[in-house]
C-alpha atoms as a PDB file:
ATOM      1  CA  MET A   1     -33.611  -2.307 -78.427  1.00  0.00           C
ATOM      2  CA  THR A   2     -35.508  -1.813 -75.148  1.00  0.00           C
ATOM      3  CA  ASN A   3     -34.808  -5.403 -74.074  1.00  0.00           C
ATOM      4  CA  ILE A   4     -31.068  -4.886 -74.547  1.00  0.00           C
ATOM      5  CA  SER A   5     -31.159  -1.719 -72.428  1.00  0.00           C
ATOM      6  CA  LEU A   6     -33.029  -3.526 -69.662  1.00  0.00           C
ATOM      7  CA  LYS A   7     -30.561  -6.430 -69.718  1.00  0.00           C
ATOM      8  CA  LEU A   8     -27.602  -4.025 -69.521  1.00  0.00           C
ATOM      9  CA  ALA A   9     -29.181  -2.122 -66.632  1.00  0.00           C
ATOM     10  CA  GLU A  10     -29.826  -5.392 -64.808  1.00  0.00           C
ATOM     11  CA  THR A  11     -26.248  -6.544 -65.376  1.00  0.00           C
ATOM     12  CA  MET A  12     -24.774  -3.264 -64.155  1.00  0.00           C
ATOM     13  CA  SER A  13     -26.965  -3.183 -61.045  1.00  0.00           C
ATOM     14  CA  THR A  14     -25.846  -6.669 -59.993  1.00  0.00           C
ATOM     15  CA  SER A  15     -22.185  -5.919 -60.651  1.00  0.00           C
ATOM     16  CA  GLY A  16     -20.537  -3.512 -58.313  1.00  0.00           C
ATOM     17  CA  ILE A  17     -18.332  -3.975 -55.319  1.00  0.00           C
ATOM     18  CA  LYS A  18     -18.583  -7.768 -55.716  1.00  0.00           C
ATOM     19  CA  SER A  19     -16.921  -7.401 -59.109  1.00  0.00           C
ATOM     20  CA  VAL A  20     -13.875  -5.744 -57.566  1.00  0.00           C
ATOM     21  CA  TYR A  21     -13.629  -7.725 -54.336  1.00  0.00           C
ATOM     22  CA  GLY A  22     -14.241 -11.452 -54.671  1.00  0.00           C
ATOM     23  CA  GLU A  23     -15.962 -13.662 -52.155  1.00  0.00           C
ATOM     24  CA  PRO A  24     -13.798 -14.290 -49.076  1.00  0.00           C
ATOM     25  CA  ILE A  25     -12.127 -17.692 -49.022  1.00  0.00           C
ATOM     26  CA  VAL A  26     -11.104 -19.306 -45.724  1.00  0.00           C
ATOM     27  CA  VAL A  27      -8.213 -21.780 -45.783  1.00  0.00           C
ATOM     28  CA  ASP A  28      -6.819 -23.146 -42.481  1.00  0.00           C
ATOM     29  CA  GLY A  29      -7.897 -20.081 -40.496  1.00  0.00           C
ATOM     30  CA  THR A  30      -6.580 -17.614 -43.095  1.00  0.00           C
ATOM     31  CA  THR A  31      -9.128 -15.449 -44.917  1.00  0.00           C
ATOM     32  CA  ILE A  32      -8.279 -14.401 -48.482  1.00  0.00           C
ATOM     33  CA  VAL A  33     -10.214 -11.701 -50.361  1.00  0.00           C
ATOM     34  CA  PRO A  34      -9.202 -11.370 -54.043  1.00  0.00           C
ATOM     35  CA  VAL A  35      -9.012  -7.846 -55.503  1.00  0.00           C
ATOM     36  CA  ALA A  36      -9.289  -6.913 -59.195  1.00  0.00           C
ATOM     37  CA  ALA A  37      -9.870  -3.855 -61.359  1.00  0.00           C
ATOM     38  CA  VAL A  38     -13.026  -4.381 -63.394  1.00  0.00           C
ATOM     39  CA  GLN A  39     -14.179  -2.339 -66.375  1.00  0.00           C
ATOM     40  CA  PHE A  40     -17.312  -2.677 -68.497  1.00  0.00           C
ATOM     41  CA  GLY A  41     -18.246  -0.935 -71.723  1.00  0.00           C
ATOM     42  CA  PHE A  42     -21.452  -1.028 -73.713  1.00  0.00           C
ATOM     43  CA  GLY A  43     -22.731   0.658 -76.829  1.00  0.00           C
ATOM     44  CA  ALA A  44     -25.749   0.556 -79.075  1.00  0.00           C
ATOM     45  CA  GLY A  45     -27.015   2.336 -82.117  1.00  0.00           C
ATOM     46  CA  GLU A  46     -29.506   2.291 -84.895  1.00  0.00           C
ATOM     47  CA  GLY A  47     -30.203   4.412 -87.852  1.00  0.00           C
ATOM     48  CA  PRO A  48     -31.044   4.384 -91.520  1.00  0.00           C
ATOM     49  CA  GLY A  49     -28.717   2.336 -93.645  1.00  0.00           C
ATOM     50  CA  ASP A  50     -27.591   3.164 -97.165  1.00  0.00           C
ATOM     51  CA  ASP A  51     -30.072   0.718 -98.712  1.00  0.00           C
ATOM     52  CA  SER A  52     -33.158   1.760 -96.728  1.00  0.00           C
ATOM     53  CA  ALA A  53     -36.031   3.396 -98.524  1.00  0.00           C
ATOM     54  CA  PRO A  54     -37.580   6.624 -97.187  1.00  0.00           C
ATOM     55  CA  GLY A  55     -40.151   5.796 -94.514  1.00  0.00           C
ATOM     56  CA  ASP A  56     -38.728   2.304 -94.009  1.00  0.00           C
ATOM     57  CA  ASP A  57     -38.817   1.429 -90.287  1.00  0.00           C
ATOM     58  CA  SER A  58     -36.549  -1.600 -90.623  1.00  0.00           C
ATOM     59  CA  ALA A  59     -33.373   0.408 -90.090  1.00  0.00           C
ATOM     60  CA  PRO A  60     -30.268  -1.555 -89.195  1.00  0.00           C
ATOM     61  CA  GLY A  61     -29.070  -1.416 -85.625  1.00  0.00           C
ATOM     62  CA  GLY A  62     -26.548  -3.000 -83.377  1.00  0.00           C
ATOM     63  CA  ALA A  63     -25.296  -3.331 -79.853  1.00  0.00           C
ATOM     64  CA  GLY A  64     -22.219  -4.653 -78.171  1.00  0.00           C
ATOM     65  CA  GLY A  65     -20.391  -4.785 -74.951  1.00  0.00           C
ATOM     66  CA  GLY A  66     -17.346  -6.083 -73.269  1.00  0.00           C
ATOM     67  CA  GLY A  67     -15.400  -6.123 -70.099  1.00  0.00           C
ATOM     68  CA  ALA A  68     -12.009  -6.724 -68.613  1.00  0.00           C
ATOM     69  CA  ALA A  69     -10.705  -7.703 -65.203  1.00  0.00           C
ATOM     70  CA  VAL A  70      -7.121  -7.312 -63.992  1.00  0.00           C
ATOM     71  CA  PRO A  71      -6.247  -9.196 -60.806  1.00  0.00           C
ATOM     72  CA  PHE A  72      -4.254  -6.878 -58.517  1.00  0.00           C
ATOM     73  CA  GLY A  73      -3.781  -9.213 -55.585  1.00  0.00           C
ATOM     74  CA  ALA A  74      -5.546 -10.254 -52.404  1.00  0.00           C
ATOM     75  CA  TYR A  75      -6.117  -9.147 -48.848  1.00  0.00           C
ATOM     76  CA  VAL A  76      -4.912 -11.831 -46.469  1.00  0.00           C
ATOM     77  CA  SER A  77      -6.136 -11.947 -42.879  1.00  0.00           C
ATOM     78  CA  ASP A  78      -4.579 -14.317 -40.377  1.00  0.00           C
ATOM     79  CA  GLU A  79      -3.384 -14.269 -36.755  1.00  0.00           C
ATOM     80  CA  THR A  80      -0.646 -11.729 -37.612  1.00  0.00           C
ATOM     81  CA  GLY A  81      -3.121  -9.204 -39.041  1.00  0.00           C
ATOM     82  CA  VAL A  82      -4.442  -8.033 -42.403  1.00  0.00           C
ATOM     83  CA  ARG A  83      -2.110  -7.283 -45.295  1.00  0.00           C
ATOM     84  CA  PHE A  84      -2.322  -6.835 -49.039  1.00  0.00           C
ATOM     85  CA  ARG A  85      -0.419  -9.342 -51.172  1.00  0.00           C
ATOM     86  CA  PRO A  86       0.056  -7.920 -54.712  1.00  0.00           C
ATOM     87  CA  ASN A  87      -0.046 -10.003 -57.882  1.00  0.00           C
ATOM     88  CA  ILE A  88       3.575  -9.750 -59.079  1.00  0.00           C
ATOM     89  CA  ILE A  89       2.717 -10.554 -62.711  1.00  0.00           C
ATOM     90  CA  THR A  90       0.222  -7.683 -62.848  1.00  0.00           C
ATOM     91  CA  LEU A  91       2.733  -5.330 -61.245  1.00  0.00           C
ATOM     92  CA  LEU A  92       5.341  -6.273 -63.860  1.00  0.00           C
ATOM     93  CA  ALA A  93       2.832  -5.893 -66.689  1.00  0.00           C
ATOM     94  CA  VAL A  94       2.126  -2.341 -65.503  1.00  0.00           C
ATOM     95  CA  ALA A  95       5.636  -1.413 -64.326  1.00  0.00           C
ATOM     96  CA  ILE A  96       7.641  -2.392 -67.416  1.00  0.00           C
ATOM     97  CA  PRO A  97       5.797  -0.080 -69.859  1.00  0.00           C
ATOM     98  CA  PHE A  98       5.716   2.680 -67.206  1.00  0.00           C
ATOM     99  CA  VAL A  99       9.477   2.476 -66.645  1.00  0.00           C
ATOM    100  CA  TRP A 100      10.103   2.509 -70.407  1.00  0.00           C
ATOM    101  CA  VAL A 101       7.920   5.604 -70.910  1.00  0.00           C
ATOM    102  CA  ALA A 102       9.439   7.367 -67.905  1.00  0.00           C
ATOM    103  CA  GLY A 103      12.976   6.599 -69.132  1.00  0.00           C
ATOM    104  CA  HIS A 104      12.144   7.834 -72.617  1.00  0.00           C
ATOM    105  CA  ALA A 105      10.649  11.047 -71.188  1.00  0.00           C
ATOM    106  CA  TRP A 106      13.707  11.666 -68.980  1.00  0.00           C
ATOM    107  CA  ALA A 107      16.006  11.125 -71.953  1.00  0.00           C
ATOM    108  CA  ARG A 108      14.105  13.791 -73.909  1.00  0.00           C
ATOM    109  CA  VAL A 109      14.188  16.205 -70.942  1.00  0.00           C
ATOM    110  CA  ILE A 110      17.947  15.738 -70.548  1.00  0.00           C
ATOM    111  CA  LYS A 111      18.459  16.167 -74.293  1.00  0.00           C
ATOM    112  CA  ALA A 112      16.402  19.390 -74.251  1.00  0.00           C
ATOM    113  CA  LEU A 113      18.350  20.756 -71.252  1.00  0.00           C
ATOM    114  CA  LYS A 114      21.695  20.144 -73.000  1.00  0.00           C
ATOM    115  CA  ARG A 115      20.734  22.484 -75.844  1.00  0.00           C
END
């Protein structure tokens, strides 16, 4: 279990700001820096199982982890200046459920006010 903890600590120390902001890319004098939201999760555990005998040190254990990255867009720097160019697909993926929830909430508020 110690080796897993050391590997996770090493992974987390090397990931950081470089996980959120990608390496700058230069194309025809225009610099592009990709931006993403990055999330990691890890878990581990061990303990006596149902079939273990008292004093048995071979208890079952387990560990797992995962991550996700959502590309938000990119910073673009050229002769006109620096600007953020959003990823439209990501905006729609976030906006559509948000608008539905907000509309549903407003409908309930209006219904409650009519009473």
